Amino acid sequence: MILPSLGPALLTGLALAFARAVGEYGSVIFIAGNIPFVSEIAPLLIVIRLEEFNYGQATAIAAAMLAIAFAIILFINLIQAWQRRRFAT
């Protein structure tokens, strides 16, 4: 079957696309709305907190984004390692 052998490549592509999306800053800020609790996004919240000189909250949001991104990439790597062990012959 082709699909099981494509799994690791698809997961890698997904992880890279996610990392790219998290890393996009400028274009996301221009597109994002600023409706409270509706269209606020994390990079926009960081900018707002920095403009308010609230560095603690800006750092907390950035750290949470980093932790979530790390956890997702770690999860994808664990799935890939499991796939390699499972289908290695």
Protein backbone atom coordinates (compact mmCIF):
# COMPACT_ATOMS: atom_id res chain seq x y z
CA MET A 1 0.00 0.00 0.00
CA ILE A 2 1.13 3.51 -0.74
CA LEU A 3 -0.69 5.40 2.01
CA PRO A 4 1.22 3.90 5.00
CA SER A 5 4.55 4.67 3.38
CA LEU A 6 3.47 8.26 2.70
CA GLY A 7 2.46 8.83 6.34
CA PRO A 8 5.82 10.09 7.63
CA ALA A 9 6.24 12.44 4.66
CA LEU A 10 2.74 13.83 5.10
CA LEU A 11 3.30 14.39 8.82
CA THR A 12 6.62 16.12 8.12
CA GLY A 13 4.91 18.38 5.61
CA LEU A 14 2.18 19.14 8.13
CA ALA A 15 4.75 20.00 10.82
CA LEU A 16 6.69 22.27 8.47
CA ALA A 17 3.51 24.01 7.31
CA PHE A 18 2.48 24.53 10.93
CA ALA A 19 5.91 25.91 11.85
CA ARG A 20 5.74 28.26 8.87
CA ALA A 21 2.26 29.43 9.89
CA VAL A 22 3.37 30.10 13.46
CA GLY A 23 6.42 31.95 12.16
CA GLU A 24 4.40 34.22 9.86
CA TYR A 25 4.06 37.45 11.71
CA GLY A 26 3.81 40.50 9.48
CA SER A 27 1.24 39.27 7.00
CA VAL A 28 -0.92 37.79 9.76
CA ILE A 29 -0.97 41.07 11.69
CA PHE A 30 -2.17 42.97 8.60
CA ILE A 31 -4.98 40.49 7.89
CA ALA A 32 -6.14 39.86 11.47
CA GLY A 33 -9.10 41.68 12.84
CA ASN A 34 -9.12 43.21 16.26
CA ILE A 35 -12.56 42.27 17.52
CA PRO A 36 -12.09 41.26 21.17
CA PHE A 37 -12.71 37.54 21.83
CA VAL A 38 -13.67 37.01 18.16
CA SER A 39 -10.81 37.65 15.77
CA GLU A 40 -7.85 38.39 18.03
CA ILE A 41 -4.91 36.13 17.35
CA ALA A 42 -1.87 35.44 19.48
CA PRO A 43 0.63 37.58 17.50
CA LEU A 44 -1.82 40.48 17.60
CA LEU A 45 -2.27 40.04 21.35
CA ILE A 46 1.51 40.12 21.79
CA VAL A 47 1.73 43.41 19.88
CA ILE A 48 -1.11 44.90 21.92
CA ARG A 49 0.54 43.87 25.20
CA LEU A 50 3.88 45.29 24.06
CA GLU A 51 2.26 48.61 23.14
CA GLU A 52 0.73 48.69 26.62
CA PHE A 53 4.23 48.03 28.08
CA ASN A 54 2.87 44.85 29.63
CA TYR A 55 5.94 42.72 28.93
CA GLY A 56 4.97 39.95 31.34
CA GLN A 57 1.74 39.11 29.52
CA ALA A 58 3.41 39.41 26.10
CA THR A 59 6.09 36.98 27.24
CA ALA A 60 3.49 34.59 28.64
CA ILE A 61 1.56 34.51 25.35
CA ALA A 62 4.76 33.97 23.37
CA ALA A 63 5.89 31.22 25.74
CA ALA A 64 2.51 29.49 25.44
CA MET A 65 2.74 29.64 21.63
CA LEU A 66 6.25 28.19 21.78
CA ALA A 67 5.18 25.38 24.12
CA ILE A 68 2.19 24.45 21.95
CA ALA A 69 4.31 24.45 18.78
CA PHE A 70 6.98 22.34 20.49
CA ALA A 71 4.40 19.86 21.78
CA ILE A 72 2.82 19.44 18.35
CA ILE A 73 6.17 18.94 16.61
CA LEU A 74 7.25 16.48 19.33
CA PHE A 75 3.98 14.58 18.91
CA ILE A 76 4.49 14.39 15.15
CA ASN A 77 8.06 13.16 15.63
CA LEU A 78 6.85 10.46 18.03
CA ILE A 79 4.26 9.32 15.50
CA GLN A 80 6.94 9.20 12.79
CA ALA A 81 9.26 7.15 15.00
CA TRP A 82 6.40 4.76 15.76
CA GLN A 83 5.63 4.49 12.03
CA ARG A 84 9.27 3.71 11.22
CA ARG A 85 9.42 0.95 13.84
CA ARG A 86 6.06 -0.47 12.79
CA PHE A 87 6.71 -0.64 9.07
CA ALA A 88 10.45 -1.39 9.12
CA THR A 89 11.13 -4.79 7.68
